[in-house]
Amino acid sequence: MKKSKADLLWILQSMTGIALVLLLGSHWVAQHYLVSGGLRSYSQIVSYLKTPIFFVMELSSLIVVTTHALLGVHAIFIDIGLQPDQQLLLNVSLLLIGLFTVIYGVQLILQIVY
């Protein structure tokens, strides 16, 4: 893999790591400290997710977690020295896994909300 592409992927993984800390921190506060009793009931979760800002925040969390995880898996496989044709297969496979994960997660969130 070219150095500039590897650098770009490393920067992207670092940015998603920072975003993870912020998004998961805000999720933790919203789910455990802004609710009396410490946990939301199912009906409270539904109303929480119907609020546009929280809906976007939870979807962003899903996308960021998936991206960060798959970039980590990609880095591990590249570090073990895959050949260029194997790298293409890896890239396509991880892209499909990521798309499936995000689409499935969005579907689940939408089923809860609507």
PDB file of N, CA and C in Angstrom:
ATOM      1  N   MET A   1       0.854  -1.171   0.000  1.00  0.00           N
ATOM      2  CA  MET A   1       0.000   0.000   0.000  1.00  0.00           C
ATOM      3  C   MET A   1       0.901   1.234   0.000  1.00  0.00           C
ATOM      4  N   LYS A   2       0.481   2.254  -0.736  1.00  0.00           N
ATOM      5  CA  LYS A   2       1.249   3.496  -0.793  1.00  0.00           C
ATOM      6  C   LYS A   2       1.252   4.191   0.560  1.00  0.00           C
ATOM      7  N   LYS A   3       2.351   4.868   0.824  1.00  0.00           N
ATOM      8  CA  LYS A   3       2.512   5.558   2.109  1.00  0.00           C
ATOM      9  C   LYS A   3       1.420   6.600   2.312  1.00  0.00           C
ATOM     10  N   SER A   4       1.072   7.365   1.277  1.00  0.00           N
ATOM     11  CA  SER A   4       0.065   8.420   1.442  1.00  0.00           C
ATOM     12  C   SER A   4      -1.309   7.832   1.768  1.00  0.00           C
ATOM     13  N   LYS A   5      -1.643   6.686   1.171  1.00  0.00           N
ATOM     14  CA  LYS A   5      -2.925   6.043   1.471  1.00  0.00           C
ATOM     15  C   LYS A   5      -2.922   5.519   2.905  1.00  0.00           C
ATOM     16  N   ALA A   6      -1.811   4.921   3.315  1.00  0.00           N
ATOM     17  CA  ALA A   6      -1.698   4.413   4.687  1.00  0.00           C
ATOM     18  C   ALA A   6      -1.804   5.563   5.685  1.00  0.00           C
ATOM     19  N   ASP A   7      -1.166   6.689   5.370  1.00  0.00           N
ATOM     20  CA  ASP A   7      -1.250   7.860   6.246  1.00  0.00           C
ATOM     21  C   ASP A   7      -2.684   8.358   6.349  1.00  0.00           C
ATOM     22  N   LEU A   8      -3.374   8.404   5.220  1.00  0.00           N
ATOM     23  CA  LEU A   8      -4.758   8.869   5.208  1.00  0.00           C
ATOM     24  C   LEU A   8      -5.655   7.958   6.049  1.00  0.00           C
ATOM     25  N   LEU A   9      -5.463   6.649   5.900  1.00  0.00           N
ATOM     26  CA  LEU A   9      -6.267   5.707   6.680  1.00  0.00           C
ATOM     27  C   LEU A   9      -5.956   5.820   8.171  1.00  0.00           C
ATOM     28  N   TRP A  10      -4.681   6.045   8.506  1.00  0.00           N
ATOM     29  CA  TRP A  10      -4.303   6.218   9.912  1.00  0.00           C
ATOM     30  C   TRP A  10      -4.955   7.474  10.482  1.00  0.00           C
ATOM     31  N   ILE A  11      -4.939   8.557   9.721  1.00  0.00           N
ATOM     32  CA  ILE A  11      -5.571   9.809  10.172  1.00  0.00           C
ATOM     33  C   ILE A  11      -7.072   9.599  10.340  1.00  0.00           C
ATOM     34  N   LEU A  12      -7.692   8.902   9.385  1.00  0.00           N
ATOM     35  CA  LEU A  12      -9.134   8.640   9.480  1.00  0.00           C
ATOM     36  C   LEU A  12      -9.450   7.798  10.715  1.00  0.00           C
ATOM     37  N   GLN A  13      -8.614   6.798  10.998  1.00  0.00           N
ATOM     38  CA  GLN A  13      -8.874   5.989  12.184  1.00  0.00           C
ATOM     39  C   GLN A  13      -8.675   6.812  13.454  1.00  0.00           C
ATOM     40  N   SER A  14      -7.697   7.695  13.453  1.00  0.00           N
ATOM     41  CA  SER A  14      -7.491   8.569  14.621  1.00  0.00           C
ATOM     42  C   SER A  14      -8.684   9.497  14.819  1.00  0.00           C
ATOM     43  N   MET A  15      -9.193  10.048  13.729  1.00  0.00           N
ATOM     44  CA  MET A  15     -10.356  10.942  13.823  1.00  0.00           C
ATOM     45  C   MET A  15     -11.587  10.194  14.310  1.00  0.00           C
ATOM     46  N   THR A  16     -11.784   8.961  13.822  1.00  0.00           N
ATOM     47  CA  THR A  16     -12.943   8.201  14.287  1.00  0.00           C
ATOM     48  C   THR A  16     -12.764   7.801  15.751  1.00  0.00           C
ATOM     49  N   GLY A  17     -11.535   7.606  16.184  1.00  0.00           N
ATOM     50  CA  GLY A  17     -11.283   7.314  17.600  1.00  0.00           C
ATOM     51  C   GLY A  17     -11.673   8.478  18.490  1.00  0.00           C
ATOM     52  N   ILE A  18     -11.313   9.682  18.063  1.00  0.00           N
ATOM     53  CA  ILE A  18     -11.704  10.886  18.814  1.00  0.00           C
ATOM     54  C   ILE A  18     -13.219  11.043  18.800  1.00  0.00           C
ATOM     55  N   ALA A  19     -13.827  10.828  17.633  1.00  0.00           N
ATOM     56  CA  ALA A  19     -15.288  10.929  17.530  1.00  0.00           C
ATOM     57  C   ALA A  19     -15.968   9.884  18.417  1.00  0.00           C
ATOM     58  N   LEU A  20     -15.366   8.690  18.516  1.00  0.00           N
ATOM     59  CA  LEU A  20     -15.914   7.644  19.392  1.00  0.00           C
ATOM     60  C   LEU A  20     -15.964   8.095  20.838  1.00  0.00           C
ATOM     61  N   VAL A  21     -14.889   8.689  21.295  1.00  0.00           N
ATOM     62  CA  VAL A  21     -14.850   9.162  22.676  1.00  0.00           C
ATOM     63  C   VAL A  21     -15.959  10.180  22.911  1.00  0.00           C
ATOM     64  N   LEU A  22     -16.125  11.111  21.984  1.00  0.00           N
ATOM     65  CA  LEU A  22     -17.146  12.153  22.140  1.00  0.00           C
ATOM     66  C   LEU A  22     -18.566  11.586  22.035  1.00  0.00           C
ATOM     67  N   LEU A  23     -18.815  10.770  21.013  1.00  0.00           N
ATOM     68  CA  LEU A  23     -20.163  10.237  20.812  1.00  0.00           C
ATOM     69  C   LEU A  23     -20.554   9.246  21.906  1.00  0.00           C
ATOM     70  N   LEU A  24     -19.650   8.355  22.246  1.00  0.00           N
ATOM     71  CA  LEU A  24     -19.994   7.373  23.281  1.00  0.00           C
ATOM     72  C   LEU A  24     -20.073   8.024  24.655  1.00  0.00           C
ATOM     73  N   GLY A  25     -19.266   9.045  24.883  1.00  0.00           N
ATOM     74  CA  GLY A  25     -19.369   9.792  26.137  1.00  0.00           C
ATOM     75  C   GLY A  25     -20.710  10.492  26.259  1.00  0.00           C
ATOM     76  N   SER A  26     -21.138  11.142  25.179  1.00  0.00           N
ATOM     77  CA  SER A  26     -22.443  11.818  25.223  1.00  0.00           C
ATOM     78  C   SER A  26     -23.580  10.803  25.305  1.00  0.00           C
ATOM     79  N   HIS A  27     -23.433   9.657  24.661  1.00  0.00           N
ATOM     80  CA  HIS A  27     -24.446   8.595  24.758  1.00  0.00           C
ATOM     81  C   HIS A  27     -24.542   8.100  26.201  1.00  0.00           C
ATOM     82  N   TRP A  28     -23.408   7.891  26.832  1.00  0.00           N
ATOM     83  CA  TRP A  28     -23.369   7.409  28.207  1.00  0.00           C
ATOM     84  C   TRP A  28     -24.044   8.396  29.156  1.00  0.00           C
ATOM     85  N   VAL A  29     -23.724   9.675  29.001  1.00  0.00           N
ATOM     86  CA  VAL A  29     -24.345  10.697  29.847  1.00  0.00           C
ATOM     87  C   VAL A  29     -25.851  10.745  29.604  1.00  0.00           C
ATOM     88  N   ALA A  30     -26.259  10.752  28.329  1.00  0.00           N
ATOM     89  CA  ALA A  30     -27.687  10.846  27.995  1.00  0.00           C
ATOM     90  C   ALA A  30     -28.472   9.630  28.474  1.00  0.00           C
ATOM     91  N   GLN A  31     -27.860   8.465  28.429  1.00  0.00           N
ATOM     92  CA  GLN A  31     -28.579   7.244  28.795  1.00  0.00           C
ATOM     93  C   GLN A  31     -28.558   6.943  30.294  1.00  0.00           C
ATOM     94  N   HIS A  32     -27.546   7.442  31.012  1.00  0.00           N
ATOM     95  CA  HIS A  32     -27.404   7.035  32.406  1.00  0.00           C
ATOM     96  C   HIS A  32     -27.479   8.169  33.424  1.00  0.00           C
ATOM     97  N   TYR A  33     -27.270   9.391  33.001  1.00  0.00           N
ATOM     98  CA  TYR A  33     -27.246  10.484  33.974  1.00  0.00           C
ATOM     99  C   TYR A  33     -28.363  11.505  33.776  1.00  0.00           C
ATOM    100  N   LEU A  34     -29.015  11.507  32.647  1.00  0.00           N
ATOM    101  CA  LEU A  34     -30.100  12.457  32.412  1.00  0.00           C
ATOM    102  C   LEU A  34     -31.465  11.831  32.659  1.00  0.00           C
ATOM    103  N   VAL A  35     -31.477  10.634  33.224  1.00  0.00           N
ATOM    104  CA  VAL A  35     -32.716   9.906  33.455  1.00  0.00           C
ATOM    105  C   VAL A  35     -32.797   9.559  34.937  1.00  0.00           C
ATOM    106  N   SER A  36     -33.963   9.810  35.517  1.00  0.00           N
ATOM    107  CA  SER A  36     -34.118   9.409  36.914  1.00  0.00           C
ATOM    108  C   SER A  36     -34.116   7.884  36.994  1.00  0.00           C
ATOM    109  N   GLY A  37     -33.415   7.349  37.935  1.00  0.00           N
ATOM    110  CA  GLY A  37     -33.311   5.905  38.079  1.00  0.00           C
ATOM    111  C   GLY A  37     -32.104   5.317  37.373  1.00  0.00           C
ATOM    112  N   GLY A  38     -31.460   6.069  36.510  1.00  0.00           N
ATOM    113  CA  GLY A  38     -30.220   5.627  35.890  1.00  0.00           C
ATOM    114  C   GLY A  38     -30.335   4.894  34.568  1.00  0.00           C
ATOM    115  N   LEU A  39     -31.496   4.393  34.208  1.00  0.00           N
ATOM    116  CA  LEU A  39     -31.683   3.714  32.923  1.00  0.00           C
ATOM    117  C   LEU A  39     -33.018   4.105  32.317  1.00  0.00           C
ATOM    118  N   ARG A  40     -33.055   4.152  31.016  1.00  0.00           N
ATOM    119  CA  ARG A  40     -34.304   4.455  30.313  1.00  0.00           C
ATOM    120  C   ARG A  40     -35.112   3.177  30.109  1.00  0.00           C
ATOM    121  N   SER A  41     -36.431   3.322  30.175  1.00  0.00           N
ATOM    122  CA  SER A  41     -37.313   2.210  29.822  1.00  0.00           C
ATOM    123  C   SER A  41     -37.436   2.184  28.292  1.00  0.00           C
ATOM    124  N   TYR A  42     -38.071   1.146  27.766  1.00  0.00           N
ATOM    125  CA  TYR A  42     -38.232   1.035  26.316  1.00  0.00           C
ATOM    126  C   TYR A  42     -38.972   2.241  25.754  1.00  0.00           C
ATOM    127  N   SER A  43     -40.050   2.654  26.399  1.00  0.00           N
ATOM    128  CA  SER A  43     -40.822   3.803  25.899  1.00  0.00           C
ATOM    129  C   SER A  43     -39.993   5.085  25.960  1.00  0.00           C
ATOM    130  N   GLN A  44     -39.131   5.210  26.963  1.00  0.00           N
ATOM    131  CA  GLN A  44     -38.255   6.380  27.032  1.00  0.00           C
ATOM    132  C   GLN A  44     -37.202   6.356  25.922  1.00  0.00           C
ATOM    133  N   ILE A  45     -36.718   5.171  25.600  1.00  0.00           N
ATOM    134  CA  ILE A  45     -35.753   5.040  24.505  1.00  0.00           C
ATOM    135  C   ILE A  45     -36.399   5.424  23.182  1.00  0.00           C
ATOM    136  N   VAL A  46     -37.633   4.991  22.967  1.00  0.00           N
ATOM    137  CA  VAL A  46     -38.344   5.326  21.730  1.00  0.00           C
ATOM    138  C   VAL A  46     -38.518   6.838  21.618  1.00  0.00           C
ATOM    139  N   SER A  47     -38.945   7.482  22.680  1.00  0.00           N
ATOM    140  CA  SER A  47     -39.125   8.939  22.617  1.00  0.00           C
ATOM    141  C   SER A  47     -37.778   9.648  22.480  1.00  0.00           C
ATOM    142  N   TYR A  48     -36.731   9.102  23.106  1.00  0.00           N
ATOM    143  CA  TYR A  48     -35.374   9.641  22.972  1.00  0.00           C
ATOM    144  C   TYR A  48     -34.923   9.590  21.515  1.00  0.00           C
ATOM    145  N   LEU A  49     -35.130   8.432  20.861  1.00  0.00           N
ATOM    146  CA  LEU A  49     -34.706   8.279  19.475  1.00  0.00           C
ATOM    147  C   LEU A  49     -35.565   9.069  18.497  1.00  0.00           C
ATOM    148  N   LYS A  50     -36.775   9.444  18.892  1.00  0.00           N
ATOM    149  CA  LYS A  50     -37.620  10.265  18.016  1.00  0.00           C
ATOM    150  C   LYS A  50     -37.177  11.720  17.997  1.00  0.00           C
ATOM    151  N   THR A  51     -36.328  12.112  18.938  1.00  0.00           N
ATOM    152  CA  THR A  51     -35.771  13.463  18.940  1.00  0.00           C
ATOM    153  C   THR A  51     -34.693  13.512  17.863  1.00  0.00           C
ATOM    154  N   PRO A  52     -34.828  14.396  16.872  1.00  0.00           N
ATOM    155  CA  PRO A  52     -33.899  14.387  15.729  1.00  0.00           C
ATOM    156  C   PRO A  52     -32.415  14.454  16.096  1.00  0.00           C
ATOM    157  N   ILE A  53     -32.042  15.265  17.058  1.00  0.00           N
ATOM    158  CA  ILE A  53     -30.626  15.392  17.393  1.00  0.00           C
ATOM    159  C   ILE A  53     -30.070  14.092  17.971  1.00  0.00           C
ATOM    160  N   PHE A  54     -30.860  13.404  18.788  1.00  0.00           N
ATOM    161  CA  PHE A  54     -30.402  12.144  19.364  1.00  0.00           C
ATOM    162  C   PHE A  54     -30.422  11.016  18.330  1.00  0.00           C
ATOM    163  N   PHE A  55     -31.391  11.066  17.428  1.00  0.00           N
ATOM    164  CA  PHE A  55     -31.449  10.091  16.336  1.00  0.00           C
ATOM    165  C   PHE A  55     -30.176  10.191  15.493  1.00  0.00           C
ATOM    166  N   VAL A  56     -29.809  11.402  15.118  1.00  0.00           N
ATOM    167  CA  VAL A  56     -28.592  11.623  14.328  1.00  0.00           C
ATOM    168  C   VAL A  56     -27.353  11.215  15.126  1.00  0.00           C
ATOM    169  N   MET A  57     -27.343  11.514  16.420  1.00  0.00           N
ATOM    170  CA  MET A  57     -26.206  11.154  17.261  1.00  0.00           C
ATOM    171  C   MET A  57     -26.027   9.631  17.318  1.00  0.00           C
ATOM    172  N   GLU A  58     -27.112   8.898  17.477  1.00  0.00           N
ATOM    173  CA  GLU A  58     -27.023   7.442  17.553  1.00  0.00           C
ATOM    174  C   GLU A  58     -26.622   6.844  16.201  1.00  0.00           C
ATOM    175  N   LEU A  59     -27.152   7.393  15.107  1.00  0.00           N
ATOM    176  CA  LEU A  59     -26.737   6.916  13.786  1.00  0.00           C
ATOM    177  C   LEU A  59     -25.266   7.231  13.530  1.00  0.00           C
ATOM    178  N   SER A  60     -24.835   8.393  13.948  1.00  0.00           N
ATOM    179  CA  SER A  60     -23.422   8.765  13.809  1.00  0.00           C
ATOM    180  C   SER A  60     -22.543   7.810  14.602  1.00  0.00           C
ATOM    181  N   SER A  61     -22.990   7.449  15.780  1.00  0.00           N
ATOM    182  CA  SER A  61     -22.232   6.492  16.599  1.00  0.00           C
ATOM    183  C   SER A  61     -22.082   5.160  15.877  1.00  0.00           C
ATOM    184  N   LEU A  62     -23.153   4.692  15.292  1.00  0.00           N
ATOM    185  CA  LEU A  62     -23.122   3.430  14.553  1.00  0.00           C
ATOM    186  C   LEU A  62     -22.113   3.496  13.408  1.00  0.00           C
ATOM    187  N   ILE A  63     -22.149   4.567  12.652  1.00  0.00           N
ATOM    188  CA  ILE A  63     -21.249   4.719  11.500  1.00  0.00           C
ATOM    189  C   ILE A  63     -19.799   4.854  11.960  1.00  0.00           C
ATOM    190  N   VAL A  64     -19.569   5.643  12.994  1.00  0.00           N
ATOM    191  CA  VAL A  64     -18.207   5.865  13.484  1.00  0.00           C
ATOM    192  C   VAL A  64     -17.626   4.582  14.085  1.00  0.00           C
ATOM    193  N   VAL A  65     -18.401   3.866  14.882  1.00  0.00           N
ATOM    194  CA  VAL A  65     -17.918   2.610  15.476  1.00  0.00           C
ATOM    195  C   VAL A  65     -17.572   1.606  14.378  1.00  0.00           C
ATOM    196  N   THR A  66     -18.452   1.473  13.396  1.00  0.00           N
ATOM    197  CA  THR A  66     -18.216   0.528  12.303  1.00  0.00           C
ATOM    198  C   THR A  66     -16.967   0.908  11.519  1.00  0.00           C
ATOM    199  N   THR A  67     -16.842   2.175  11.177  1.00  0.00           N
ATOM    200  CA  THR A  67     -15.685   2.643  10.416  1.00  0.00           C
ATOM    201  C   THR A  67     -14.395   2.420  11.199  1.00  0.00           C
ATOM    202  N   HIS A  68     -14.392   2.798  12.454  1.00  0.00           N
ATOM    203  CA  HIS A  68     -13.197   2.658  13.286  1.00  0.00           C
ATOM    204  C   HIS A  68     -12.777   1.180  13.406  1.00  0.00           C
ATOM    205  N   ALA A  69     -13.738   0.322  13.641  1.00  0.00           N
ATOM    206  CA  ALA A  69     -13.439  -1.106  13.794  1.00  0.00           C
ATOM    207  C   ALA A  69     -12.882  -1.698  12.503  1.00  0.00           C
ATOM    208  N   LEU A  70     -13.516  -1.380  11.385  1.00  0.00           N
ATOM    209  CA  LEU A  70     -13.067  -1.968  10.125  1.00  0.00           C
ATOM    210  C   LEU A  70     -11.727  -1.400   9.673  1.00  0.00           C
ATOM    211  N   LEU A  71     -11.450  -0.138  10.000  1.00  0.00           N
ATOM    212  CA  LEU A  71     -10.122   0.411   9.711  1.00  0.00           C
ATOM    213  C   LEU A  71      -9.059  -0.306  10.544  1.00  0.00           C
ATOM    214  N   GLY A  72      -9.398  -0.665  11.763  1.00  0.00           N
ATOM    215  CA  GLY A  72      -8.471  -1.426  12.605  1.00  0.00           C
ATOM    216  C   GLY A  72      -8.206  -2.809  12.041  1.00  0.00           C
ATOM    217  N   VAL A  73      -9.257  -3.484  11.595  1.00  0.00           N
ATOM    218  CA  VAL A  73      -9.100  -4.804  10.984  1.00  0.00           C
ATOM    219  C   VAL A  73      -8.245  -4.684   9.712  1.00  0.00           C
ATOM    220  N   HIS A  74      -8.522  -3.657   8.918  1.00  0.00           N
ATOM    221  CA  HIS A  74      -7.756  -3.411   7.695  1.00  0.00           C
ATOM    222  C   HIS A  74      -6.278  -3.230   8.024  1.00  0.00           C
ATOM    223  N   ALA A  75      -5.976  -2.426   9.028  1.00  0.00           N
ATOM    224  CA  ALA A  75      -4.582  -2.164   9.405  1.00  0.00           C
ATOM    225  C   ALA A  75      -3.883  -3.452   9.832  1.00  0.00           C
ATOM    226  N   ILE A  76      -4.572  -4.298  10.574  1.00  0.00           N
ATOM    227  CA  ILE A  76      -3.974  -5.568  11.012  1.00  0.00           C
ATOM    228  C   ILE A  76      -3.608  -6.428   9.811  1.00  0.00           C
ATOM    229  N   PHE A  77      -4.532  -6.561   8.870  1.00  0.00           N
ATOM    230  CA  PHE A  77      -4.259  -7.396   7.696  1.00  0.00           C
ATOM    231  C   PHE A  77      -3.165  -6.799   6.815  1.00  0.00           C
ATOM    232  N   ILE A  78      -3.120  -5.486   6.678  1.00  0.00           N
ATOM    233  CA  ILE A  78      -2.062  -4.852   5.887  1.00  0.00           C
ATOM    234  C   ILE A  78      -0.714  -5.056   6.567  1.00  0.00           C
ATOM    235  N   ASP A  79      -0.692  -4.977   7.891  1.00  0.00           N
ATOM    236  CA  ASP A  79       0.561  -5.162   8.633  1.00  0.00           C
ATOM    237  C   ASP A  79       1.139  -6.564   8.472  1.00  0.00           C
ATOM    238  N   ILE A  80       0.295  -7.552   8.228  1.00  0.00           N
ATOM    239  CA  ILE A  80       0.832  -8.905   8.050  1.00  0.00           C
ATOM    240  C   ILE A  80       1.350  -9.124   6.634  1.00  0.00           C
ATOM    241  N   GLY A  81       1.180  -8.144   5.753  1.00  0.00           N
ATOM    242  CA  GLY A  81       1.807  -8.190   4.437  1.00  0.00           C
ATOM    243  C   GLY A  81       1.008  -8.858   3.339  1.00  0.00           C
ATOM    244  N   LEU A  82      -0.204  -8.432   3.138  1.00  0.00           N
ATOM    245  CA  LEU A  82      -1.014  -8.982   2.052  1.00  0.00           C
ATOM    246  C   LEU A  82      -0.483  -8.529   0.690  1.00  0.00           C
ATOM    247  N   GLN A  83      -0.683  -9.378  -0.292  1.00  0.00           N
ATOM    248  CA  GLN A  83      -0.334  -9.040  -1.670  1.00  0.00           C
ATOM    249  C   GLN A  83      -1.396  -8.085  -2.232  1.00  0.00           C
ATOM    250  N   PRO A  84      -1.060  -7.323  -3.297  1.00  0.00           N
ATOM    251  CA  PRO A  84      -2.026  -6.352  -3.841  1.00  0.00           C
ATOM    252  C   PRO A  84      -3.386  -6.944  -4.211  1.00  0.00           C
ATOM    253  N   ASP A  85      -3.405  -8.152  -4.806  1.00  0.00           N
ATOM    254  CA  ASP A  85      -4.705  -8.745  -5.155  1.00  0.00           C
ATOM    255  C   ASP A  85      -5.486  -9.134  -3.897  1.00  0.00           C
ATOM    256  N   GLN A  86      -4.781  -9.540  -2.859  1.00  0.00           N
ATOM    257  CA  GLN A  86      -5.432  -9.852  -1.590  1.00  0.00           C
ATOM    258  C   GLN A  86      -5.935  -8.585  -0.919  1.00  0.00           C
ATOM    259  N   GLN A  87      -5.214  -7.481  -1.082  1.00  0.00           N
ATOM    260  CA  GLN A  87      -5.640  -6.208  -0.506  1.00  0.00           C
ATOM    261  C   GLN A  87      -6.946  -5.745  -1.143  1.00  0.00           C
ATOM    262  N   LEU A  88      -7.087  -5.952  -2.443  1.00  0.00           N
ATOM    263  CA  LEU A  88      -8.335  -5.577  -3.116  1.00  0.00           C
ATOM    264  C   LEU A  88      -9.505  -6.386  -2.561  1.00  0.00           C
ATOM    265  N   LEU A  89      -9.295  -7.692  -2.399  1.00  0.00           N
ATOM    266  CA  LEU A  89     -10.345  -8.541  -1.834  1.00  0.00           C
ATOM    267  C   LEU A  89     -10.683  -8.101  -0.409  1.00  0.00           C
ATOM    268  N   LEU A  90      -9.656  -7.783   0.370  1.00  0.00           N
ATOM    269  CA  LEU A  90      -9.862  -7.295   1.736  1.00  0.00           C
ATOM    270  C   LEU A  90     -10.676  -6.011   1.735  1.00  0.00           C
ATOM    271  N   ASN A  91     -10.298  -5.060   0.887  1.00  0.00           N
ATOM    272  CA  ASN A  91     -11.002  -3.780   0.833  1.00  0.00           C
ATOM    273  C   ASN A  91     -12.472  -3.955   0.466  1.00  0.00           C
ATOM    274  N   VAL A  92     -12.732  -4.773  -0.545  1.00  0.00           N
ATOM    275  CA  VAL A  92     -14.120  -5.007  -0.970  1.00  0.00           C
ATOM    276  C   VAL A  92     -14.902  -5.716   0.139  1.00  0.00           C
ATOM    277  N   SER A  93     -14.273  -6.715   0.761  1.00  0.00           N
ATOM    278  CA  SER A  93     -14.950  -7.455   1.836  1.00  0.00           C
ATOM    279  C   SER A  93     -15.295  -6.549   3.011  1.00  0.00           C
ATOM    280  N   LEU A  94     -14.331  -5.725   3.436  1.00  0.00           N
ATOM    281  CA  LEU A  94     -14.588  -4.832   4.566  1.00  0.00           C
ATOM    282  C   LEU A  94     -15.627  -3.777   4.225  1.00  0.00           C
ATOM    283  N   LEU A  95     -15.607  -3.296   2.990  1.00  0.00           N
ATOM    284  CA  LEU A  95     -16.627  -2.327   2.564  1.00  0.00           C
ATOM    285  C   LEU A  95     -18.017  -2.950   2.622  1.00  0.00           C
ATOM    286  N   LEU A  96     -18.142  -4.169   2.132  1.00  0.00           N
ATOM    287  CA  LEU A  96     -19.447  -4.841   2.161  1.00  0.00           C
ATOM    288  C   LEU A  96     -19.895  -5.129   3.599  1.00  0.00           C
ATOM    289  N   ILE A  97     -18.977  -5.555   4.442  1.00  0.00           N
ATOM    290  CA  ILE A  97     -19.310  -5.793   5.848  1.00  0.00           C
ATOM    291  C   ILE A  97     -19.768  -4.489   6.505  1.00  0.00           C
ATOM    292  N   GLY A  98     -19.063  -3.406   6.227  1.00  0.00           N
ATOM    293  CA  GLY A  98     -19.428  -2.108   6.791  1.00  0.00           C
ATOM    294  C   GLY A  98     -20.791  -1.642   6.318  1.00  0.00           C
ATOM    295  N   LEU A  99     -21.042  -1.766   5.014  1.00  0.00           N
ATOM    296  CA  LEU A  99     -22.349  -1.356   4.485  1.00  0.00           C
ATOM    297  C   LEU A  99     -23.473  -2.192   5.088  1.00  0.00           C
ATOM    298  N   PHE A 100     -23.263  -3.506   5.160  1.00  0.00           N
ATOM    299  CA  PHE A 100     -24.276  -4.376   5.749  1.00  0.00           C
ATOM    300  C   PHE A 100     -24.540  -3.992   7.201  1.00  0.00           C
ATOM    301  N   THR A 101     -23.479  -3.768   7.955  1.00  0.00           N
ATOM    302  CA  THR A 101     -23.614  -3.433   9.370  1.00  0.00           C
ATOM    303  C   THR A 101     -24.396  -2.138   9.561  1.00  0.00           C
ATOM    304  N   VAL A 102     -24.047  -1.117   8.804  1.00  0.00           N
ATOM    305  CA  VAL A 102     -24.723   0.178   8.944  1.00  0.00           C
ATOM    306  C   VAL A 102     -26.172   0.083   8.482  1.00  0.00           C
ATOM    307  N   ILE A 103     -26.415  -0.560   7.351  1.00  0.00           N
ATOM    308  CA  ILE A 103     -27.797  -0.690   6.851  1.00  0.00           C
ATOM    309  C   ILE A 103     -28.650  -1.476   7.847  1.00  0.00           C
ATOM    310  N   TYR A 104     -28.104  -2.568   8.378  1.00  0.00           N
ATOM    311  CA  TYR A 104     -28.831  -3.372   9.358  1.00  0.00           C
ATOM    312  C   TYR A 104     -29.094  -2.569  10.634  1.00  0.00           C
ATOM    313  N   GLY A 105     -28.104  -1.834  11.098  1.00  0.00           N
ATOM    314  CA  GLY A 105     -28.274  -1.007  12.293  1.00  0.00           C
ATOM    315  C   GLY A 105     -29.305   0.089  12.101  1.00  0.00           C
ATOM    316  N   VAL A 106     -29.283   0.733  10.949  1.00  0.00           N
ATOM    317  CA  VAL A 106     -30.276   1.778  10.650  1.00  0.00           C
ATOM    318  C   VAL A 106     -31.672   1.174  10.626  1.00  0.00           C
ATOM    319  N   GLN A 107     -31.796  -0.003  10.011  1.00  0.00           N
ATOM    320  CA  GLN A 107     -33.097  -0.674   9.976  1.00  0.00           C
ATOM    321  C   GLN A 107     -33.598  -0.967  11.386  1.00  0.00           C
ATOM    322  N   LEU A 108     -32.718  -1.438  12.260  1.00  0.00           N
ATOM    323  CA  LEU A 108     -33.124  -1.732  13.629  1.00  0.00           C
ATOM    324  C   LEU A 108     -33.560  -0.466  14.376  1.00  0.00           C
ATOM    325  N   ILE A 109     -32.806   0.609  14.216  1.00  0.00           N
ATOM    326  CA  ILE A 109     -33.172   1.875  14.872  1.00  0.00           C
ATOM    327  C   ILE A 109     -34.514   2.371  14.350  1.00  0.00           C
ATOM    328  N   LEU A 110     -34.717   2.290  13.037  1.00  0.00           N
ATOM    329  CA  LEU A 110     -35.986   2.737  12.461  1.00  0.00           C
ATOM    330  C   LEU A 110     -37.149   1.867  12.944  1.00  0.00           C
ATOM    331  N   GLN A 111     -36.924   0.563  13.112  1.00  0.00           N
ATOM    332  CA  GLN A 111     -37.988  -0.297  13.637  1.00  0.00           C
ATOM    333  C   GLN A 111     -38.355   0.082  15.061  1.00  0.00           C
ATOM    334  N   ILE A 112     -37.374   0.469  15.858  1.00  0.00           N
ATOM    335  CA  ILE A 112     -37.655   0.875  17.225  1.00  0.00           C
ATOM    336  C   ILE A 112     -38.450   2.164  17.230  1.00  0.00           C
ATOM    337  N   VAL A 113     -38.061   3.103  16.390  1.00  0.00           N
ATOM    338  CA  VAL A 113     -38.670   4.433  16.400  1.00  0.00           C
ATOM    339  C   VAL A 113     -40.042   4.423  15.748  1.00  0.00           C
ATOM    340  N   TYR A 114     -40.214   3.680  14.660  1.00  0.00           N
ATOM    341  CA  TYR A 114     -41.480   3.727  13.919  1.00  0.00           C
ATOM    342  C   TYR A 114     -42.097   2.383  13.924  1.00  0.00           C
TER     343      TYR A 114
END
